[in-house]
Amino acid sequence: MTAPNRPTAPPWRQRLARIGLAPLVLVPVLALAAGLAALLAYSMTWQQQVARLELSAVPRLERFAIQLFAPPRRYTYLPHLLANDRLLRSALEQPHTPELVRLANMHLAGMRASTGATDLYILDPQGTGVAASNWRDKISFVGVNYAYRPYYTRALADGGAHFYAMGTTSKRPGYFMSQLVERDDGGVLGVAVVKADLTMPDVRDYGGEVLVTDAGGVAFLSSRKDWQYRPLTALSASDGASVARTRQYDGVLRPPLRMHTERTFQSGATIVDIAGHGRYFMVWRPVPETDWHVNLLLPLEEVESAAAHMAMLAAGAVALVALSLLYLWQSRLRQAERERSRAALEEAHAALARQHDALQALSEELRVQTITDSLTGLFNRRHFMDSLARLLGTAQRHREPLALLLVDADHFKRVNDEHGHPVGDEVLRRLGAMLREETRDGDVAARYGGEEFIVALPRTDTAAALGVAERVLERMRGTRIPVEGAALTVTVSIGMAAARPGEGAAELIGRADAALYEAKRGGRDRAVTAA
């Protein structure tokens, strides 16, 4: 006997059963998907915001380094100038001659007034002040020993140094630059020192706090006064001993900031927590030509707020998408296509931007080539003439002095004939490099033609221009160019002319050329001033 068949539910009831079970499946899946979406959105937004912070921080750090060193960079030439000053060298050779020391003190005071430097002074081989620009002050550097200062010890070891510290005598911070003063026989005559102000630039638009730290991590410059002279972390035993020995932060060193590093990125940027001050994204860059670092600390509140906001949006969006998925599948397909189109459009735009940047770089390269002499790297004659007309106009409008040097290599044809054009080219390159080193920002040095060079010195009177000329003459006399196992010395002759009111470029150059002719006729290796 066959058992009766179980009745089958109608199709509409089967569909209803499936629909009734769907919420039981979708609710936990939806909750899990929303949670994962929120977590992922938070993480990605946080990383994007941090990357944006780092990208925006780099140009600020570079701009800060330029702003920081703009004032003291004006005085980088001074230590070398002091080290080669005849009067100061004589004072170091005869430190017990009162009249000579008095003249050296007055000379340094005059140089301080003319240059704007904070202080200038010279130390004997034992590190004791012999003469100083502040010799008349109640607290002077004269007679004080600074042998413990790194700018003294490094100058003895390396020939020169720079050092930021609190002044142990003046009790004022400063940036110290030093230069070894050598005897003619190579022995130590002393050390010349220039002290300049190094102040915190305006960083109110940087969006965070800026610290400049030394090799030991001490913040000697800070946008926050309560962070200045505080180490980022506790000083090591060796760093603490060095600070104490050199008296670098004499009387101003404060307790550490107690900075804890939470995370370090591949780029070197970090997430730090400063006790009592909050969490920061810290980006740092080394300061060129120093062992310092400039650190930009950007608060993380906005980053975390943006990430949390995006996480909430992502969770809501996932929930909405999950509930509407059965009805919006086709819409999602169209959205995906739009996303692909947008990505393709962005890629095309990026490609055009790269081409534009490449064209701009090529245009700049071509512009530089049109105004530069290919052999010496100085400006060419055409660019110089354009610049001279502009400089003359400025000088006449503001009633400022302007001097012109016309420099010509002596017996240059003989050099080419006897040693060949490669040696002649090397002479021109050496002379061009020397002129570039002896001129300032704003001066214009150019190759005028053949072995002849020309230099425009705005805001420079006759005495200062002759000083430049004498330095060039002296350096050329000491330049040795190797030729076939020997050394060749080439001197130069210089004609100097100071611009007169209403004088044009051609007249000024003509007078400098006449002075150059007189220098040649007078025996060469000399500078002559135009009448």
Protein backbone atom coordinates (compact mmCIF):
# COMPACT_ATOMS: atom_id res chain seq x y z
CA MET A 1 0.00 0.00 0.00
CA THR A 2 1.49 3.35 -1.03
CA ALA A 3 1.70 6.17 1.56
CA PRO A 4 -0.19 9.30 0.62
CA ASN A 5 1.95 12.26 -0.73
CA ARG A 6 2.55 15.26 1.61
CA PRO A 7 0.74 18.34 0.29
CA THR A 8 3.05 20.96 -1.35
CA ALA A 9 2.82 24.64 -0.23
CA PRO A 10 1.71 27.00 -2.94
CA PRO A 11 4.41 29.16 -4.63
CA TRP A 12 3.23 32.41 -3.01
CA ARG A 13 3.73 30.89 0.45
CA GLN A 14 7.26 29.72 -0.43
CA ARG A 15 8.19 33.23 -1.51
CA LEU A 16 6.73 34.67 1.68
CA ALA A 17 8.83 32.27 3.77
CA ARG A 18 12.01 33.30 1.97
CA ILE A 19 11.21 36.98 2.42
CA GLY A 20 10.45 36.43 6.10
CA LEU A 21 13.87 34.82 6.69
CA ALA A 22 15.77 37.54 4.81
CA PRO A 23 15.79 40.10 7.69
CA LEU A 24 17.18 37.46 10.04
CA VAL A 25 20.13 36.99 7.67
CA LEU A 26 20.59 40.60 6.61
CA VAL A 27 20.64 42.25 10.06
CA PRO A 28 23.88 40.64 11.38
CA VAL A 29 25.51 40.85 7.94
CA LEU A 30 24.54 44.51 7.70
CA ALA A 31 25.90 45.24 11.18
CA LEU A 32 29.18 43.50 10.37
CA ALA A 33 29.50 45.24 7.00
CA ALA A 34 28.73 48.65 8.52
CA GLY A 35 31.30 48.10 11.28
CA LEU A 36 34.00 47.01 8.84
CA ALA A 37 33.19 49.93 6.53
CA ALA A 38 33.42 52.38 9.42
CA LEU A 39 36.75 50.94 10.53
CA LEU A 40 38.16 50.98 7.00
CA ALA A 41 36.87 54.52 6.31
CA TYR A 42 38.35 55.77 9.56
CA SER A 43 41.72 54.20 8.80
CA MET A 44 41.87 55.38 5.19
CA THR A 45 40.68 58.92 6.00
CA TRP A 46 43.12 59.15 8.86
CA GLN A 47 45.99 58.09 6.60
CA GLN A 48 44.90 60.46 3.83
CA GLN A 49 44.65 63.37 6.22
CA VAL A 50 48.06 62.58 7.68
CA ALA A 51 49.53 62.33 4.16
CA ARG A 52 47.96 65.69 3.34
CA LEU A 53 49.50 67.18 6.47
CA GLU A 54 52.94 65.84 5.55
CA LEU A 55 52.62 67.06 1.96
CA SER A 56 51.71 70.55 3.12
CA ALA A 57 54.40 70.53 5.82
CA VAL A 58 57.40 70.00 3.51
CA PRO A 59 57.26 73.39 1.71
CA ARG A 60 56.63 75.11 5.03
CA LEU A 61 59.77 73.52 6.50
CA GLU A 62 61.82 74.54 3.46
CA ARG A 63 60.45 78.09 3.66
CA PHE A 64 61.22 78.19 7.37
CA ALA A 65 64.86 77.16 6.82
CA ILE A 66 65.25 80.00 4.32
CA GLN A 67 63.60 82.52 6.67
CA LEU A 68 65.68 81.31 9.62
CA PHE A 69 69.06 81.77 7.97
CA ALA A 70 68.29 84.86 5.90
CA PRO A 71 69.55 87.34 8.59
CA PRO A 72 72.79 85.55 9.71
CA ARG A 73 73.67 84.52 6.13
CA ARG A 74 74.55 88.17 5.51
CA TYR A 75 77.53 87.76 7.81
CA THR A 76 79.03 84.46 6.60
CA TYR A 77 81.81 86.36 4.84
CA LEU A 78 82.81 88.28 7.98
CA PRO A 79 84.85 85.61 9.88
CA HIS A 80 87.09 85.12 6.83
CA LEU A 81 87.38 88.88 6.44
CA LEU A 82 88.41 89.29 10.09
CA ALA A 83 90.90 86.43 9.85
CA ASN A 84 92.69 88.18 6.98
CA ASP A 85 92.54 91.73 8.38
CA ARG A 86 96.10 93.05 8.82
CA LEU A 87 95.35 95.16 11.89
CA LEU A 88 93.59 92.29 13.70
CA ARG A 89 96.40 89.88 12.79
CA SER A 90 98.90 92.37 14.19
CA ALA A 91 96.90 92.60 17.43
CA LEU A 92 96.98 88.79 17.75
CA GLU A 93 100.72 88.76 17.07
CA GLN A 94 101.32 91.50 19.69
CA PRO A 95 98.46 91.13 22.23
CA HIS A 96 100.44 92.97 24.91
CA THR A 97 100.83 96.17 22.87
CA PRO A 98 98.07 98.45 24.31
CA GLU A 99 97.95 100.90 21.41
CA LEU A 100 97.67 98.10 18.85
CA VAL A 101 94.90 96.39 20.86
CA ARG A 102 93.07 99.72 21.23
CA LEU A 103 93.14 100.22 17.45
CA ALA A 104 91.88 96.66 16.94
CA ASN A 105 88.98 97.31 19.37
CA MET A 106 88.01 100.49 17.54
CA HIS A 107 88.29 98.71 14.18
CA LEU A 108 85.97 95.92 15.33
CA ALA A 109 83.48 98.43 16.76
CA GLY A 110 83.43 100.25 13.43
CA MET A 111 82.88 97.01 11.51
CA ARG A 112 80.00 96.11 13.84
CA ALA A 113 78.38 99.49 13.16
CA SER A 114 78.81 99.16 9.39
CA THR A 115 77.68 95.53 9.05
CA GLY A 116 74.94 95.33 11.68
CA ALA A 117 76.41 92.19 13.30
CA THR A 118 75.74 91.73 17.02
CA ASP A 119 79.41 91.39 18.06
CA LEU A 120 82.82 90.75 16.50
CA TYR A 121 85.89 89.64 18.43
CA ILE A 122 89.23 87.81 18.15
CA LEU A 123 90.64 85.14 20.47
CA ASP A 124 94.27 84.22 21.06
CA PRO A 125 95.49 80.59 20.61
CA GLN A 126 94.37 79.82 24.18
CA GLY A 127 90.83 81.07 23.52
CA THR A 128 91.08 84.38 25.45
CA GLY A 129 89.51 87.53 24.00
CA VAL A 130 92.16 89.96 22.73
CA ALA A 131 89.91 92.59 21.12
CA ALA A 132 86.15 92.96 20.71
CA SER A 133 83.58 95.31 19.24
CA ASN A 134 81.97 95.65 22.70
CA TRP A 135 85.26 96.62 24.38
CA ARG A 136 83.69 99.79 25.81
CA ASP A 137 80.68 97.96 27.28
CA LYS A 138 80.43 97.20 30.96
CA ILE A 139 80.44 93.50 30.10
CA SER A 140 83.02 92.92 27.34
CA PHE A 141 84.50 89.83 25.69
CA VAL A 142 88.05 91.20 26.12
CA GLY A 143 90.05 89.11 28.58
CA VAL A 144 87.38 86.37 28.84
CA ASN A 145 88.39 82.82 27.95
CA TYR A 146 86.11 80.89 25.56
CA ALA A 147 88.26 77.81 25.00
CA TYR A 148 85.35 75.61 26.10
CA ARG A 149 83.11 76.87 23.29
CA PRO A 150 82.70 74.58 20.23
CA TYR A 151 83.10 77.50 17.83
CA TYR A 152 86.66 77.82 19.19
CA THR A 153 87.56 74.12 19.38
CA ARG A 154 86.02 73.30 15.98
CA ALA A 155 87.79 76.25 14.36
CA LEU A 156 91.12 74.85 15.61
CA ALA A 157 90.24 71.39 14.30
CA ASP A 158 88.39 72.19 11.06
CA GLY A 159 89.31 75.78 10.21
CA GLY A 160 85.84 77.20 10.89
CA ALA A 161 82.58 76.50 12.68
CA HIS A 162 79.11 77.75 13.52
CA PHE A 163 77.32 77.33 16.83
CA TYR A 164 74.06 78.49 18.45
CA ALA A 165 74.24 79.13 22.17
CA MET A 166 73.31 81.37 25.05
CA GLY A 167 76.03 83.97 25.54
CA THR A 168 77.88 83.19 28.75
CA THR A 169 79.11 86.79 29.02
CA SER A 170 76.28 88.82 27.46
CA LYS A 171 73.51 86.40 28.59
CA ARG A 172 71.91 86.86 25.16
CA PRO A 173 71.50 84.00 22.65
CA GLY A 174 73.18 84.18 19.29
CA TYR A 175 74.55 82.39 16.24
CA PHE A 176 78.34 82.24 16.41
CA MET A 177 80.51 81.91 13.27
CA SER A 178 84.26 81.42 13.57
CA GLN A 179 87.35 81.24 11.36
CA LEU A 180 90.84 80.03 12.24
CA VAL A 181 93.54 82.74 11.97
CA GLU A 182 96.78 81.14 10.81
CA ARG A 183 100.33 82.41 10.95
CA ASP A 184 102.28 82.73 7.74
CA ASP A 185 104.15 79.55 8.72
CA GLY A 186 100.90 77.62 9.22
CA GLY A 187 100.76 77.89 13.01
CA VAL A 188 97.73 79.05 15.00
CA LEU A 189 97.51 82.81 15.51
CA GLY A 190 94.00 82.82 16.95
CA VAL A 191 90.30 82.57 16.07
CA ALA A 192 88.03 85.29 14.62
CA VAL A 193 84.40 85.17 15.80
CA VAL A 194 81.21 86.87 14.59
CA LYS A 195 78.02 86.74 16.67
CA ALA A 196 74.71 87.38 14.89
CA ASP A 197 71.11 87.36 16.07
CA LEU A 198 69.14 84.23 15.18
CA THR A 199 65.47 84.78 15.95
CA MET A 200 62.30 82.79 15.42
CA PRO A 201 60.57 83.70 12.13
CA ASP A 202 56.84 84.41 12.07
CA VAL A 203 55.09 81.01 11.81
CA ARG A 204 51.53 82.01 12.67
CA ASP A 205 50.30 80.68 9.30
CA TYR A 206 52.03 77.28 9.65
CA GLY A 207 49.06 75.60 11.37
CA GLY A 208 51.06 74.20 14.26
CA GLU A 209 54.14 74.58 16.44
CA VAL A 210 57.69 74.88 15.06
CA LEU A 211 60.81 73.79 16.94
CA VAL A 212 64.46 74.04 15.92
CA THR A 213 66.49 71.38 17.75
CA ASP A 214 70.22 70.76 17.99
CA ALA A 215 72.01 67.41 17.66
CA GLY A 216 71.04 66.51 21.23
CA GLY A 217 67.36 67.26 20.68
CA VAL A 218 67.21 70.55 22.62
CA ALA A 219 64.62 72.99 21.20
CA PHE A 220 66.64 76.23 21.22
CA LEU A 221 64.07 78.04 19.04
CA SER A 222 60.33 77.50 19.46
CA SER A 223 57.06 79.08 18.42
CA ARG A 224 55.93 78.38 22.01
CA LYS A 225 57.95 80.21 24.65
CA ASP A 226 57.27 77.49 27.25
CA TRP A 227 58.89 74.87 24.96
CA GLN A 228 62.08 76.83 24.28
CA TYR A 229 65.33 75.42 25.72
CA ARG A 230 63.64 72.10 26.52
CA PRO A 231 64.88 68.74 25.18
CA LEU A 232 62.25 66.71 23.34
CA THR A 233 63.27 63.74 25.49
CA ALA A 234 65.68 63.35 28.36
CA LEU A 235 69.26 64.13 27.32
CA SER A 236 71.69 61.21 27.11
CA ALA A 237 74.63 61.22 29.46
CA SER A 238 77.04 62.30 26.69
CA ASP A 239 74.73 65.07 25.42
CA GLY A 240 74.13 66.34 28.94
CA ALA A 241 77.86 66.39 29.61
CA SER A 242 78.48 68.26 26.32
CA VAL A 243 75.86 70.93 27.13
CA ALA A 244 77.34 71.39 30.59
CA ARG A 245 80.92 71.50 29.32
CA THR A 246 80.27 74.00 26.53
CA ARG A 247 77.75 76.01 28.59
CA GLN A 248 75.64 76.08 25.45
CA TYR A 249 72.40 76.85 27.31
CA ASP A 250 73.94 78.48 30.33
CA GLY A 251 71.21 79.20 32.88
CA VAL A 252 68.23 78.63 30.50
CA LEU A 253 67.99 74.84 30.01
CA ARG A 254 64.59 73.50 31.15
CA PRO A 255 63.19 70.01 31.90
CA PRO A 256 62.37 67.73 28.91
CA LEU A 257 59.00 67.90 27.15
CA ARG A 258 58.38 64.18 27.86
CA MET A 259 57.56 63.39 24.25
CA HIS A 260 56.43 59.84 23.56
CA THR A 261 56.55 58.47 19.99
CA GLU A 262 53.45 56.43 19.18
CA ARG A 263 54.12 55.65 15.54
CA THR A 264 56.88 56.20 12.98
CA PHE A 265 56.16 56.37 9.25
CA GLN A 266 58.45 55.26 6.43
CA SER A 267 59.15 58.91 5.57
CA GLY A 268 60.46 59.53 9.09
CA ALA A 269 57.40 61.49 10.25
CA THR A 270 55.99 60.45 13.61
CA ILE A 271 52.88 60.57 15.75
CA VAL A 272 53.91 61.88 19.16
CA ASP A 273 52.17 62.47 22.47
CA ILE A 274 53.53 65.35 24.56
CA ALA A 275 52.52 65.00 28.17
CA GLY A 276 50.05 67.73 29.07
CA HIS A 277 49.89 69.12 25.53
CA GLY A 278 48.20 66.45 23.38
CA ARG A 279 48.98 64.39 20.29
CA TYR A 280 50.75 65.80 17.25
CA PHE A 281 51.84 64.74 13.79
CA MET A 282 55.52 65.70 13.68
CA VAL A 283 57.45 66.23 10.42
CA TRP A 284 61.13 67.13 10.56
CA ARG A 285 63.85 68.05 8.10
CA PRO A 286 67.58 68.62 8.63
CA VAL A 287 68.78 72.20 8.33
CA PRO A 288 71.43 72.35 5.56
CA GLU A 289 75.07 72.86 6.66
CA THR A 290 74.20 72.24 10.35
CA ASP A 291 73.46 69.35 12.72
CA TRP A 292 70.07 70.92 13.52
CA HIS A 293 66.55 69.84 12.68
CA VAL A 294 63.45 71.93 12.12
CA ASN A 295 60.33 70.18 13.44
CA LEU A 296 56.74 71.05 12.55
CA LEU A 297 54.15 69.68 15.02
CA LEU A 298 50.59 69.70 13.67
CA PRO A 299 47.68 68.94 16.03
CA LEU A 300 45.75 65.75 15.26
CA GLU A 301 42.33 66.96 16.41
CA GLU A 302 41.17 67.87 12.90
CA VAL A 303 42.52 64.62 11.46
CA GLU A 304 40.72 62.48 14.03
CA SER A 305 37.53 64.51 13.70
CA ALA A 306 37.54 64.14 9.91
CA ALA A 307 38.24 60.41 10.18
CA ALA A 308 35.42 59.88 12.69
CA HIS A 309 33.03 61.87 10.53
CA MET A 310 33.95 59.79 7.48
CA ALA A 311 33.54 56.58 9.48
CA MET A 312 29.99 57.57 10.41
CA LEU A 313 29.20 58.44 6.83
CA ALA A 314 30.64 55.14 5.63
CA ALA A 315 28.61 53.09 8.12
CA GLY A 316 25.40 54.86 7.12
CA ALA A 317 26.18 54.52 3.44
CA VAL A 318 26.87 50.79 3.75
CA ALA A 319 23.59 50.28 5.62
CA LEU A 320 21.66 52.18 2.99
CA VAL A 321 23.37 50.34 0.15
CA ALA A 322 22.77 46.96 1.78
CA LEU A 323 19.04 47.63 2.24
CA SER A 324 18.69 48.92 -1.32
CA LEU A 325 20.99 46.43 -3.05
CA LEU A 326 18.21 44.34 -4.63
CA TYR A 327 16.69 47.44 -6.21
CA LEU A 328 19.83 49.43 -7.13
CA TRP A 329 22.11 46.87 -8.75
CA GLN A 330 21.86 48.46 -12.16
CA SER A 331 22.53 51.87 -10.63
CA ARG A 332 25.69 50.50 -9.05
CA LEU A 333 26.85 49.25 -12.41
CA ARG A 334 26.37 52.70 -13.90
CA GLN A 335 28.15 54.26 -10.93
CA ALA A 336 31.10 51.94 -11.41
CA GLU A 337 31.30 52.99 -15.04
CA ARG A 338 31.25 56.64 -14.02
CA GLU A 339 34.04 55.99 -11.56
CA ARG A 340 36.14 54.39 -14.28
CA SER A 341 35.48 57.37 -16.54
CA ARG A 342 36.42 59.78 -13.77
CA ALA A 343 39.65 57.88 -13.07
CA ALA A 344 40.51 57.91 -16.77
CA LEU A 345 39.78 61.64 -16.91
CA GLU A 346 41.93 62.31 -13.85
CA GLU A 347 44.75 60.26 -15.35
CA ALA A 348 44.49 62.22 -18.59
CA HIS A 349 44.53 65.46 -16.60
CA ALA A 350 47.57 64.26 -14.63
CA ALA A 351 49.36 63.36 -17.87
CA LEU A 352 48.67 66.86 -19.23
CA ALA A 353 49.94 68.37 -15.97
CA ARG A 354 53.16 66.33 -16.24
CA GLN A 355 53.65 67.49 -19.81
CA HIS A 356 53.04 71.08 -18.73
CA ASP A 357 55.64 70.77 -15.93
CA ALA A 358 58.16 69.25 -18.34
CA LEU A 359 57.63 72.11 -20.81
CA GLN A 360 58.02 74.66 -18.04
CA ALA A 361 61.29 73.02 -16.91
CA LEU A 362 62.57 72.99 -20.50
CA SER A 363 61.59 76.64 -20.94
CA GLU A 364 63.47 77.60 -17.77
CA GLU A 365 66.52 75.61 -18.89
CA LEU A 366 66.51 77.41 -22.26
CA ARG A 367 66.11 80.78 -20.54
CA VAL A 368 69.12 80.09 -18.31
CA GLN A 369 71.17 79.00 -21.33
CA THR A 370 70.39 82.25 -23.15
CA ILE A 371 71.76 84.40 -20.32
CA THR A 372 74.69 82.21 -19.20
CA ASP A 373 78.23 81.81 -20.48
CA SER A 374 78.71 78.08 -21.08
CA LEU A 375 82.40 78.00 -20.12
CA THR A 376 82.40 79.91 -16.83
CA GLY A 377 78.79 79.63 -15.69
CA LEU A 378 78.61 83.42 -15.24
CA PHE A 379 76.10 85.64 -17.01
CA ASN A 380 76.82 86.48 -20.64
CA ARG A 381 77.44 89.94 -22.07
CA ARG A 382 73.91 90.54 -23.36
CA HIS A 383 72.31 89.76 -20.00
CA PHE A 384 74.88 91.92 -18.23
CA MET A 385 74.13 94.93 -20.41
CA ASP A 386 70.40 94.56 -19.72
CA SER A 387 71.09 94.24 -15.99
CA LEU A 388 73.51 97.21 -15.93
CA ALA A 389 70.93 99.53 -17.49
CA ARG A 390 68.41 98.50 -14.84
CA LEU A 391 70.93 98.84 -11.98
CA LEU A 392 72.03 102.29 -13.18
CA GLY A 393 68.41 103.43 -13.30
CA THR A 394 67.80 102.19 -9.76
CA ALA A 395 71.01 103.76 -8.44
CA GLN A 396 70.20 107.14 -9.99
CA ARG A 397 66.60 107.13 -8.76
CA HIS A 398 67.61 106.31 -5.18
CA ARG A 399 70.91 108.25 -5.30
CA GLU A 400 72.88 105.14 -4.39
CA PRO A 401 76.49 104.38 -5.34
CA LEU A 402 77.27 101.82 -8.03
CA ALA A 403 80.73 100.58 -8.99
CA LEU A 404 81.93 98.69 -12.07
CA LEU A 405 84.93 96.35 -12.26
CA LEU A 406 86.49 95.38 -15.60
CA VAL A 407 88.77 92.36 -15.04
CA ASP A 408 91.22 91.05 -17.66
CA ALA A 409 93.58 88.06 -17.45
CA ASP A 410 97.18 89.15 -17.98
CA HIS A 411 99.19 87.63 -20.87
CA PHE A 412 96.30 85.33 -21.70
CA LYS A 413 97.35 84.90 -25.34
CA ARG A 414 100.72 83.64 -24.14
CA VAL A 415 98.95 81.07 -21.92
CA ASN A 416 96.99 79.74 -24.91
CA ASP A 417 100.05 79.75 -27.17
CA GLU A 418 102.40 78.05 -24.71
CA HIS A 419 100.04 75.69 -22.86
CA GLY A 420 97.07 75.20 -25.15
CA HIS A 421 93.46 76.25 -25.08
CA PRO A 422 92.37 73.65 -22.46
CA VAL A 423 94.67 75.33 -19.93
CA GLY A 424 93.36 78.74 -21.02
CA ASP A 425 89.80 77.53 -20.51
CA GLU A 426 90.70 76.33 -17.02
CA VAL A 427 92.13 79.78 -16.21
CA LEU A 428 88.85 81.38 -17.28
CA ARG A 429 86.83 78.89 -15.28
CA ARG A 430 88.92 79.53 -12.15
CA LEU A 431 88.61 83.29 -12.57
CA GLY A 432 84.84 83.02 -13.13
CA ALA A 433 84.40 80.88 -10.02
CA MET A 434 86.45 83.34 -7.97
CA LEU A 435 84.34 86.31 -9.11
CA ARG A 436 81.17 84.38 -8.24
CA GLU A 437 82.50 83.71 -4.74
CA GLU A 438 83.58 87.31 -4.13
CA THR A 439 80.28 88.89 -5.18
CA ARG A 440 77.06 89.19 -3.20
CA ASP A 441 73.47 88.42 -3.98
CA GLY A 442 72.38 91.37 -6.11
CA ASP A 443 75.81 91.87 -7.72
CA VAL A 444 76.07 90.91 -11.40
CA ALA A 445 79.24 89.18 -12.67
CA ALA A 446 79.58 88.26 -16.35
CA ARG A 447 82.05 87.19 -18.99
CA TYR A 448 82.38 90.30 -21.14
CA GLY A 449 84.34 88.65 -23.96
CA GLY A 450 87.42 86.48 -24.40
CA GLU A 451 89.51 86.74 -21.22
CA GLU A 452 87.68 89.86 -20.05
CA PHE A 453 85.11 89.86 -17.23
CA ILE A 454 82.86 92.59 -15.87
CA VAL A 455 81.18 93.01 -12.48
CA ALA A 456 78.47 95.49 -11.44
CA LEU A 457 78.38 96.25 -7.71
CA PRO A 458 75.19 98.11 -6.71
CA ARG A 459 75.11 100.02 -3.43
CA THR A 460 78.93 99.89 -3.36
CA ASP A 461 81.17 102.92 -3.03
CA THR A 462 84.72 103.28 -4.36
CA ALA A 463 86.43 102.00 -1.20
CA ALA A 464 84.29 98.87 -0.98
CA ALA A 465 84.73 98.17 -4.70
CA LEU A 466 88.49 98.49 -4.37
CA GLY A 467 88.30 96.02 -1.49
CA VAL A 468 86.61 93.50 -3.80
CA ALA A 469 89.23 94.17 -6.49
CA GLU A 470 92.10 93.68 -4.04
CA ARG A 471 90.65 90.36 -2.87
CA VAL A 472 90.38 89.15 -6.47
CA LEU A 473 93.98 90.23 -7.18
CA GLU A 474 95.23 88.49 -4.04
CA ARG A 475 93.36 85.26 -4.73
CA MET A 476 94.54 85.11 -8.34
CA ARG A 477 98.14 85.55 -7.22
CA GLY A 478 97.70 82.52 -4.99
CA THR A 479 95.93 80.37 -7.61
CA ARG A 480 98.01 77.53 -9.06
CA ILE A 481 96.91 75.75 -12.24
CA PRO A 482 98.69 72.44 -12.95
CA VAL A 483 100.36 72.25 -16.38
CA GLU A 484 102.56 69.33 -17.45
CA GLY A 485 104.01 68.60 -14.02
CA ALA A 486 104.36 72.25 -13.05
CA ALA A 487 102.06 75.01 -11.73
CA LEU A 488 100.96 78.07 -13.67
CA THR A 489 100.11 81.41 -12.03
CA VAL A 490 98.03 83.93 -13.92
CA THR A 491 97.45 87.46 -12.63
CA VAL A 492 94.70 89.89 -13.59
CA SER A 493 94.41 93.63 -14.15
CA ILE A 494 91.33 95.52 -12.99
CA GLY A 495 89.81 98.82 -14.00
CA MET A 496 87.26 100.30 -11.59
CA ALA A 497 84.80 103.12 -12.23
CA ALA A 498 82.14 104.59 -9.95
CA ALA A 499 78.92 105.67 -11.68
CA ARG A 500 78.33 109.41 -11.98
CA PRO A 501 74.88 111.06 -11.88
CA GLY A 502 73.19 110.83 -15.26
CA GLU A 503 75.94 108.63 -16.72
CA GLY A 504 74.94 105.89 -19.17
CA ALA A 505 76.19 102.32 -19.37
CA ALA A 506 78.49 102.97 -22.35
CA GLU A 507 80.21 105.93 -20.64
CA LEU A 508 80.65 103.99 -17.39
CA ILE A 509 82.13 100.97 -19.18
CA GLY A 510 84.36 103.26 -21.23
CA ARG A 511 85.85 104.84 -18.12
CA ALA A 512 86.38 101.41 -16.52
CA ASP A 513 88.05 100.26 -19.75
CA ALA A 514 90.35 103.29 -19.68
CA ALA A 515 91.27 102.48 -16.09
CA LEU A 516 91.95 98.87 -17.14
CA TYR A 517 94.25 100.15 -19.87
CA GLU A 518 96.13 102.20 -17.26
CA ALA A 519 96.45 99.09 -15.07
CA LYS A 520 97.90 97.16 -18.01
CA ARG A 521 100.26 99.99 -18.94
CA GLY A 522 101.32 100.35 -15.30
CA GLY A 523 102.67 96.80 -15.13
CA ARG A 524 99.55 94.62 -14.77
CA ASP A 525 98.49 92.69 -11.61
CA ARG A 526 96.89 95.79 -10.15
CA ALA A 527 93.63 97.73 -9.86
CA VAL A 528 93.27 101.30 -11.11
CA THR A 529 90.34 103.64 -10.40
CA ALA A 530 88.95 105.70 -13.24
CA ALA A 531 89.24 109.45 -12.97
